[in-house]
Amino acid sequence: MSGATGAAPSDNPQDGERGELSIPSRRPRRLRTTPAMRNFTAETDLNPRSFVLPMFVADGIAEPKPISSLPGVVQHTTDSLLRAVEEALAAGVGSIDLFGVPQEQTKDALGSAGIDPHGVLNRALADVRQRFGDDIVLMADTCLDEFTDHGHCGVLGQDRYGNQIVDNDATLTQYADMAVAQARAGAHVVSPSGMMDGQVRVIREALDAAGYADVSIMAYSAKYASAFYGPFREAVGSSLVGDRKTYQQDPRNRRESLLETELDVAEGADFVMVKPAMPYLDVLREVAAASPVPVAAYQVSGEYAMISAAAANGWIDGDAAILESLTSIRRAGADIVLTYWATHAAKLLRQGR
C-alpha cells in the first residue's frame, strides 16, 4: 500500500508489520523491462519468408469476387491474381498456394478440369510462373474436390457391400495426372490434400517419370475432418454433400498423425503439414518433434473468420490477435505457416509490430 505519504507501490517490499520478506534473486521480469529487451530475448520470431498465402482464382468472373465468410479474401481474376502476387512478393511473403474455382458446367465425377492444361488452375499457375519465375515459391493444391460435381476429394466407387465410398486407389491415378499437369504448368510444389493412402508415393513416382524430379511435394499429412473449414467451402464453390470423415482424420486422434507423417516422409514428402493449425497445436508440436523434414501448418478459413469477426465487432485488437495467433503456430513448431493474412501480417511486421 502507498500509505499516508502517497508513495508509489513498491515491487520490492521490505520490513513491515508482516516481517521481512525474502525476495528471490532470480527475477524473470528483468528480461521484460523494455521493448528492446523483449525483442532481444524472444524465443520465437515471425518472418514473412515462412508465410504461404492461399489464393483462389476463378473462371467466368470479370472482376474479383468477395467471399462473404472470409472478409478481405476474394476469388481472383487472372489480372487481380497477378497484382496480389506482386503485392505479396513485395511484402516479403515466401510462397503462394493456388486453388482453382471452375465453372459449374466443367465439373464432372472425375475432376477432369483439374487435370486439363487449359483449366483455370493450370492456366493460373502458368501465368504466375511466367510473370514471377523463381522469385516466389509457387504451390498448387493437388486435390479434386474443387473440380468434382460431388465435391469429394476423390473418385467415387462402391465397397463390397454396395455402399458409396471414395475409391482410394482410383483416386491415386487422378492425383498423379494432376500433379504432373501442375508441374508442367510451372508449380514448384504440389500439395496433395486429399488424405488418400499412398498418394505421396504415387505422385513422386509420376513426377519423376515425367521429368519433374525437382518439383517438391508438400503432404497434408495430418488433415483432420474439421468444422473449421466452413468458409473455404464457399471460397471454392464446393459441391459437397455429406462429409469427408472416411478419409480425413478423426479429431479425437493424436497418434494417428504421427503414423501419417511417418508414412508420407517414407514415401518421399519434402514437407509435411498439420491442418487446421490452432485447434491442433498439440499435434503440431508432436509432428514437429518427430519430422525430419520441414513442417507446415495451415491457419484455416474458420480460424481466419473467427478472428476477423471478433475484430470487426471491436471485441479484440485484430492486428495484435493476428500476430499472436501466427506466433502460437510458429512456437508450436511450424517452420511454414499458410495463412490468408500472409501479406497483411508481413506488412505489420515491417512496421515493427
Protein backbone atom coordinates (compact mmCIF):
# COMPACT_ATOMS: atom_id res chain seq x y z
CA MET A 1 0.00 0.00 0.00
CA SER A 2 1.16 3.56 -0.62
CA GLY A 3 0.43 4.75 2.94
CA ALA A 4 -0.17 8.32 4.12
CA THR A 5 2.83 9.68 2.26
CA GLY A 6 1.32 8.84 -1.11
CA ALA A 7 4.40 6.90 -2.16
CA ALA A 8 4.09 4.67 -5.20
CA PRO A 9 3.64 0.94 -4.56
CA SER A 10 6.95 -0.89 -4.47
CA ASP A 11 7.93 -4.00 -6.38
CA ASN A 12 10.40 -4.72 -3.62
CA PRO A 13 8.62 -4.58 -0.21
CA GLN A 14 10.87 -4.76 2.81
CA ASP A 15 10.20 -4.62 6.55
CA GLY A 16 6.73 -4.01 7.82
CA GLU A 17 4.08 -5.44 10.01
CA ARG A 18 4.31 -8.70 8.01
CA GLY A 19 8.01 -9.02 8.79
CA GLU A 20 10.93 -9.18 6.40
CA LEU A 21 10.16 -10.74 3.03
CA SER A 22 12.63 -12.97 1.24
CA ILE A 23 12.82 -11.76 -2.36
CA PRO A 24 14.26 -14.27 -4.83
CA SER A 25 17.38 -13.25 -6.72
CA ARG A 26 16.03 -14.82 -9.89
CA ARG A 27 13.70 -12.23 -11.42
CA PRO A 28 12.33 -13.25 -14.85
CA ARG A 29 10.83 -9.76 -15.21
CA ARG A 30 14.32 -8.37 -15.82
CA LEU A 31 14.07 -9.73 -19.37
CA ARG A 32 10.76 -7.93 -20.00
CA THR A 33 11.73 -4.41 -18.99
CA THR A 34 11.82 -2.71 -22.43
CA PRO A 35 10.70 -3.47 -25.98
CA ALA A 36 14.34 -3.82 -26.99
CA MET A 37 14.97 -6.33 -24.21
CA ARG A 38 11.84 -8.32 -25.08
CA ASN A 39 12.88 -8.46 -28.73
CA PHE A 40 16.42 -9.40 -27.75
CA THR A 41 15.29 -12.40 -25.69
CA ALA A 42 12.31 -13.56 -27.77
CA GLU A 43 12.34 -17.31 -28.41
CA THR A 44 10.02 -17.24 -31.43
CA ASP A 45 10.15 -14.91 -34.40
CA LEU A 46 7.83 -14.31 -37.32
CA ASN A 47 9.38 -13.84 -40.73
CA PRO A 48 7.29 -13.35 -43.88
CA ARG A 49 9.57 -15.69 -45.81
CA SER A 50 7.94 -18.57 -43.90
CA PHE A 51 4.40 -17.45 -44.85
CA VAL A 52 2.32 -19.04 -47.60
CA LEU A 53 -0.64 -17.07 -48.96
CA PRO A 54 -3.53 -19.30 -50.10
CA MET A 55 -5.26 -17.71 -53.12
CA PHE A 56 -8.35 -18.51 -55.17
CA VAL A 57 -8.58 -17.96 -58.91
CA ALA A 58 -11.97 -18.35 -60.58
CA ASP A 59 -13.23 -18.94 -64.09
CA GLY A 60 -16.03 -16.85 -65.56
CA ILE A 61 -15.72 -13.69 -63.49
CA ALA A 62 -14.85 -10.23 -64.81
CA GLU A 63 -13.66 -8.74 -61.51
CA PRO A 64 -12.56 -10.04 -58.11
CA LYS A 65 -15.45 -11.61 -56.21
CA PRO A 66 -15.52 -11.08 -52.42
CA ILE A 67 -16.00 -14.15 -50.25
CA SER A 68 -18.57 -13.19 -47.62
CA SER A 69 -17.35 -15.56 -44.90
CA LEU A 70 -13.70 -14.53 -45.43
CA PRO A 71 -13.69 -10.72 -45.20
CA GLY A 72 -10.91 -9.28 -47.32
CA VAL A 73 -10.37 -12.50 -49.31
CA VAL A 74 -11.59 -12.77 -52.91
CA GLN A 75 -11.88 -15.11 -55.83
CA HIS A 76 -9.39 -13.59 -58.26
CA THR A 77 -9.40 -12.94 -61.94
CA THR A 78 -6.11 -13.56 -63.70
CA ASP A 79 -5.24 -9.86 -63.59
CA SER A 80 -6.10 -9.37 -59.93
CA LEU A 81 -4.26 -12.56 -59.05
CA LEU A 82 -1.05 -11.30 -60.61
CA ARG A 83 -1.39 -7.96 -58.83
CA ALA A 84 -1.96 -9.70 -55.49
CA VAL A 85 1.06 -11.97 -56.02
CA GLU A 86 3.16 -8.91 -56.77
CA GLU A 87 1.95 -7.28 -53.55
CA ALA A 88 2.73 -10.40 -51.54
CA LEU A 89 6.20 -10.67 -53.05
CA ALA A 90 6.92 -7.01 -52.32
CA ALA A 91 5.87 -7.54 -48.69
CA GLY A 92 8.33 -10.41 -48.37
CA VAL A 93 5.90 -13.37 -48.45
CA GLY A 94 7.76 -16.54 -49.34
CA SER A 95 5.12 -18.55 -51.19
CA ILE A 96 1.60 -18.64 -52.58
CA ASP A 97 -0.74 -21.64 -52.79
CA LEU A 98 -3.23 -21.59 -55.65
CA PHE A 99 -6.72 -23.09 -55.59
CA GLY A 100 -8.86 -23.16 -58.72
CA VAL A 101 -12.57 -22.37 -58.85
CA PRO A 102 -14.02 -23.75 -62.10
CA GLN A 103 -17.38 -23.02 -63.62
CA GLU A 104 -20.08 -25.47 -62.58
CA GLN A 105 -20.56 -26.88 -66.06
CA THR A 106 -16.94 -28.05 -66.21
CA LYS A 107 -17.21 -30.20 -63.08
CA ASP A 108 -17.54 -33.95 -63.50
CA ALA A 109 -17.26 -37.12 -61.46
CA LEU A 110 -13.50 -37.43 -62.04
CA GLY A 111 -12.48 -33.80 -61.51
CA SER A 112 -11.12 -33.68 -65.05
CA ALA A 113 -10.94 -29.86 -65.14
CA GLY A 114 -8.21 -30.01 -62.51
CA ILE A 115 -6.00 -32.01 -64.88
CA ASP A 116 -6.86 -30.12 -68.06
CA PRO A 117 -3.87 -27.92 -69.01
CA HIS A 118 -6.39 -25.29 -70.11
CA GLY A 119 -8.33 -25.48 -66.83
CA VAL A 120 -8.49 -22.48 -64.53
CA LEU A 121 -5.87 -23.67 -62.04
CA ASN A 122 -3.24 -24.77 -64.53
CA ARG A 123 -3.67 -21.60 -66.59
CA ALA A 124 -3.17 -19.51 -63.46
CA LEU A 125 -0.08 -21.49 -62.46
CA ALA A 126 1.42 -20.88 -65.90
CA ASP A 127 0.61 -17.15 -65.75
CA VAL A 128 2.18 -16.71 -62.31
CA ARG A 129 5.29 -18.71 -63.17
CA GLN A 130 5.76 -16.77 -66.41
CA ARG A 131 5.45 -13.43 -64.61
CA PHE A 132 7.44 -14.17 -61.44
CA GLY A 133 9.69 -17.09 -62.34
CA ASP A 134 11.56 -18.32 -59.28
CA ASP A 135 11.13 -15.11 -57.26
CA ILE A 136 8.34 -16.65 -55.18
CA VAL A 137 7.63 -20.30 -54.40
CA LEU A 138 4.60 -21.35 -56.43
CA MET A 139 2.48 -24.03 -54.81
CA ALA A 140 -0.59 -25.78 -56.23
CA ASP A 141 -3.42 -27.54 -54.42
CA THR A 142 -3.36 -31.11 -55.73
CA CYS A 143 -6.88 -32.25 -54.94
CA LEU A 144 -10.04 -32.94 -56.89
CA ASP A 145 -12.68 -31.51 -54.58
CA GLU A 146 -12.97 -28.14 -56.35
CA PHE A 147 -13.41 -29.91 -59.68
CA THR A 148 -15.78 -32.81 -58.91
CA ASP A 149 -19.53 -32.48 -59.26
CA HIS A 150 -19.96 -34.39 -55.98
CA GLY A 151 -17.44 -32.28 -54.06
CA HIS A 152 -15.36 -35.14 -52.70
CA CYS A 153 -11.57 -35.23 -52.87
CA GLY A 154 -11.51 -38.38 -54.96
CA VAL A 155 -13.25 -40.68 -57.38
CA LEU A 156 -16.44 -42.32 -56.11
CA GLY A 157 -16.93 -46.08 -56.10
CA GLN A 158 -18.60 -48.83 -54.11
CA ASP A 159 -17.38 -51.11 -51.39
CA ARG A 160 -18.12 -54.84 -51.42
CA TYR A 161 -21.42 -54.19 -49.68
CA GLY A 162 -22.64 -51.75 -52.32
CA ASN A 163 -22.07 -48.62 -50.24
CA GLN A 164 -20.78 -45.50 -51.97
CA ILE A 165 -17.22 -44.65 -51.00
CA VAL A 166 -14.31 -42.56 -52.20
CA ASP A 167 -12.20 -45.10 -54.09
CA ASN A 168 -8.69 -44.60 -52.74
CA ASP A 169 -6.73 -46.37 -55.49
CA ALA A 170 -8.75 -45.00 -58.41
CA THR A 171 -8.18 -41.53 -56.97
CA LEU A 172 -4.40 -42.00 -56.93
CA THR A 173 -4.33 -42.23 -60.71
CA GLN A 174 -6.08 -38.87 -60.96
CA TYR A 175 -3.73 -37.32 -58.40
CA ALA A 176 -0.69 -38.48 -60.35
CA ASP A 177 -2.00 -36.93 -63.56
CA MET A 178 -2.98 -33.75 -61.74
CA ALA A 179 0.43 -33.34 -60.13
CA VAL A 180 2.21 -33.78 -63.46
CA ALA A 181 -0.11 -31.23 -65.10
CA GLN A 182 0.62 -28.74 -62.30
CA ALA A 183 4.36 -29.30 -62.58
CA ARG A 184 4.16 -28.82 -66.32
CA ALA A 185 2.25 -25.57 -65.77
CA GLY A 186 5.04 -24.25 -63.53
CA ALA A 187 4.38 -25.27 -59.92
CA HIS A 188 7.47 -25.51 -57.72
CA VAL A 189 5.47 -27.51 -55.15
CA VAL A 190 2.45 -29.78 -55.46
CA SER A 191 0.39 -30.27 -52.32
CA PRO A 192 -1.84 -33.35 -52.16
CA SER A 193 -4.53 -32.59 -49.61
CA GLY A 194 -6.96 -35.46 -50.14
CA MET A 195 -5.63 -37.82 -47.44
CA MET A 196 -5.60 -40.85 -49.74
CA ASP A 197 -3.36 -43.69 -48.62
CA GLY A 198 -0.25 -43.89 -50.80
CA GLN A 199 -0.80 -40.53 -52.52
CA VAL A 200 2.71 -39.22 -51.92
CA ARG A 201 4.42 -42.31 -53.33
CA VAL A 202 2.27 -42.38 -56.46
CA ILE A 203 2.74 -38.64 -57.09
CA ARG A 204 6.50 -38.85 -56.52
CA GLU A 205 6.82 -41.70 -58.99
CA ALA A 206 4.70 -39.87 -61.57
CA LEU A 207 6.65 -36.62 -61.24
CA ASP A 208 10.00 -38.40 -61.54
CA ALA A 209 8.87 -40.41 -64.55
CA ALA A 210 7.67 -37.23 -66.28
CA GLY A 211 10.99 -35.45 -65.74
CA TYR A 212 9.94 -33.31 -62.75
CA ALA A 213 12.27 -34.71 -60.11
CA ASP A 214 12.94 -31.12 -58.98
CA VAL A 215 9.29 -30.46 -58.08
CA SER A 216 8.62 -30.80 -54.34
CA ILE A 217 5.68 -32.39 -52.54
CA MET A 218 4.02 -30.78 -49.53
CA ALA A 219 1.94 -33.55 -47.99
CA TYR A 220 -1.17 -32.74 -45.98
CA SER A 221 -0.09 -35.46 -43.57
CA ALA A 222 -2.32 -34.68 -40.58
CA LYS A 223 -5.50 -33.23 -42.02
CA TYR A 224 -8.50 -33.51 -39.76
CA ALA A 225 -12.21 -33.74 -40.60
CA SER A 226 -12.75 -30.34 -39.04
CA ALA A 227 -15.66 -27.97 -38.55
CA PHE A 228 -13.26 -25.09 -39.19
CA TYR A 229 -13.28 -25.49 -42.98
CA GLY A 230 -16.72 -23.94 -43.50
CA PRO A 231 -15.74 -20.64 -45.17
CA PHE A 232 -13.35 -22.46 -47.51
CA ARG A 233 -16.29 -24.35 -48.97
CA GLU A 234 -17.79 -21.03 -50.02
CA ALA A 235 -14.45 -19.84 -51.36
CA VAL A 236 -14.12 -22.73 -53.81
CA GLY A 237 -17.82 -23.12 -54.57
CA SER A 238 -17.83 -26.64 -53.17
CA SER A 239 -20.48 -29.09 -54.35
CA LEU A 240 -20.01 -31.36 -51.34
CA VAL A 241 -22.98 -33.07 -49.76
CA GLY A 242 -22.12 -35.03 -46.64
CA ASP A 243 -18.68 -35.13 -45.05
CA ARG A 244 -15.15 -36.49 -45.52
CA LYS A 245 -14.82 -38.44 -42.30
CA THR A 246 -13.88 -41.70 -44.01
CA TYR A 247 -10.61 -40.24 -45.32
CA GLN A 248 -9.76 -37.21 -43.21
CA GLN A 249 -8.60 -37.80 -39.64
CA ASP A 250 -10.83 -38.06 -36.59
CA PRO A 251 -10.30 -35.01 -34.31
CA ARG A 252 -10.18 -37.37 -31.31
CA ASN A 253 -6.96 -39.00 -32.52
CA ARG A 254 -3.38 -37.87 -31.97
CA ARG A 255 -1.05 -40.84 -32.54
CA GLU A 256 -2.58 -41.34 -35.98
CA SER A 257 -0.96 -38.07 -37.10
CA LEU A 258 2.49 -39.39 -36.30
CA LEU A 259 1.80 -42.52 -38.33
CA GLU A 260 0.51 -40.49 -41.28
CA THR A 261 3.57 -38.24 -41.13
CA GLU A 262 5.95 -41.19 -40.95
CA LEU A 263 4.31 -42.81 -43.98
CA ASP A 264 4.41 -39.61 -46.04
CA VAL A 265 8.07 -38.99 -45.28
CA ALA A 266 8.90 -42.59 -46.20
CA GLU A 267 7.02 -42.15 -49.49
CA GLY A 268 9.01 -39.05 -50.43
CA ALA A 269 7.30 -35.99 -48.94
CA ASP A 270 9.56 -32.93 -48.90
CA PHE A 271 7.31 -31.09 -46.42
CA VAL A 272 4.54 -32.31 -44.12
CA MET A 273 1.56 -30.36 -42.84
CA VAL A 274 -0.87 -30.21 -39.93
CA LYS A 275 -4.33 -28.79 -40.72
CA PRO A 276 -6.07 -26.96 -39.05
CA ALA A 277 -3.41 -25.17 -37.04
CA MET A 278 -4.62 -23.57 -33.81
CA PRO A 279 -7.12 -26.27 -32.69
CA TYR A 280 -4.33 -28.83 -33.21
CA LEU A 281 -1.26 -27.17 -31.71
CA ASP A 282 -0.64 -30.27 -29.60
CA VAL A 283 -0.50 -32.39 -32.75
CA LEU A 284 1.70 -29.82 -34.46
CA ARG A 285 4.14 -29.91 -31.54
CA GLU A 286 4.50 -33.69 -31.76
CA VAL A 287 4.75 -33.79 -35.54
CA ALA A 288 7.42 -31.08 -35.46
CA ALA A 289 9.40 -33.01 -32.86
CA ALA A 290 9.31 -36.19 -34.94
CA SER A 291 9.61 -34.91 -38.51
CA PRO A 292 12.96 -34.95 -40.35
CA VAL A 293 11.56 -32.58 -43.00
CA PRO A 294 10.10 -29.05 -42.70
CA VAL A 295 6.67 -28.84 -41.08
CA ALA A 296 3.85 -26.58 -42.26
CA ALA A 297 0.61 -25.67 -40.51
CA TYR A 298 -2.49 -24.23 -42.18
CA GLN A 299 -4.36 -21.47 -40.36
CA VAL A 300 -7.64 -22.38 -42.00
CA SER A 301 -10.64 -20.35 -43.07
CA GLY A 302 -12.60 -20.86 -39.85
CA GLU A 303 -9.70 -19.59 -37.77
CA TYR A 304 -9.44 -16.53 -40.02
CA ALA A 305 -13.20 -15.93 -39.91
CA MET A 306 -13.45 -16.08 -36.12
CA ILE A 307 -10.66 -13.60 -35.51
CA SER A 308 -11.97 -11.33 -38.27
CA ALA A 309 -15.49 -11.35 -36.84
CA ALA A 310 -14.31 -10.62 -33.30
CA ALA A 311 -12.14 -7.77 -34.55
CA ALA A 312 -14.97 -6.33 -36.66
CA ASN A 313 -17.17 -6.25 -33.56
CA GLY A 314 -14.49 -4.45 -31.56
CA TRP A 315 -14.09 -7.36 -29.17
CA ILE A 316 -10.37 -7.83 -29.81
CA ASP A 317 -7.47 -5.94 -31.37
CA GLY A 318 -7.43 -7.58 -34.78
CA ASP A 319 -3.83 -6.93 -35.77
CA ALA A 320 -2.50 -7.97 -32.37
CA ALA A 321 -4.59 -11.16 -32.48
CA ILE A 322 -3.34 -11.97 -35.99
CA LEU A 323 0.29 -11.77 -34.96
CA GLU A 324 -0.32 -13.60 -31.69
CA SER A 325 -2.11 -16.42 -33.49
CA LEU A 326 0.71 -16.78 -36.02
CA THR A 327 3.28 -16.71 -33.24
CA SER A 328 1.46 -19.53 -31.45
CA ILE A 329 1.66 -21.67 -34.59
CA ARG A 330 5.36 -20.98 -35.02
CA ARG A 331 6.01 -21.54 -31.31
CA ALA A 332 4.33 -24.95 -31.52
CA GLY A 333 6.87 -25.96 -34.16
CA ALA A 334 5.73 -24.90 -37.61
CA ASP A 335 8.53 -23.93 -39.97
CA ILE A 336 5.96 -22.73 -42.53
CA VAL A 337 2.55 -21.15 -41.94
CA LEU A 338 -0.23 -20.99 -44.50
CA THR A 339 -2.45 -18.02 -43.66
CA TYR A 340 -4.85 -15.75 -45.51
CA TRP A 341 -3.19 -12.93 -43.59
CA ALA A 342 0.25 -13.58 -45.11
CA THR A 343 0.55 -10.24 -46.92
CA HIS A 344 -1.14 -8.22 -44.17
CA ALA A 345 0.97 -9.83 -41.44
CA ALA A 346 4.13 -9.25 -43.47
CA LYS A 347 3.28 -5.55 -43.68
CA LEU A 348 2.60 -5.39 -39.93
CA LEU A 349 5.99 -6.92 -39.25
CA ARG A 350 7.68 -4.38 -41.50
CA GLN A 351 6.00 -1.66 -39.47
CA GLY A 352 7.63 -3.06 -36.36
CA ARG A 353 4.51 -4.57 -34.81
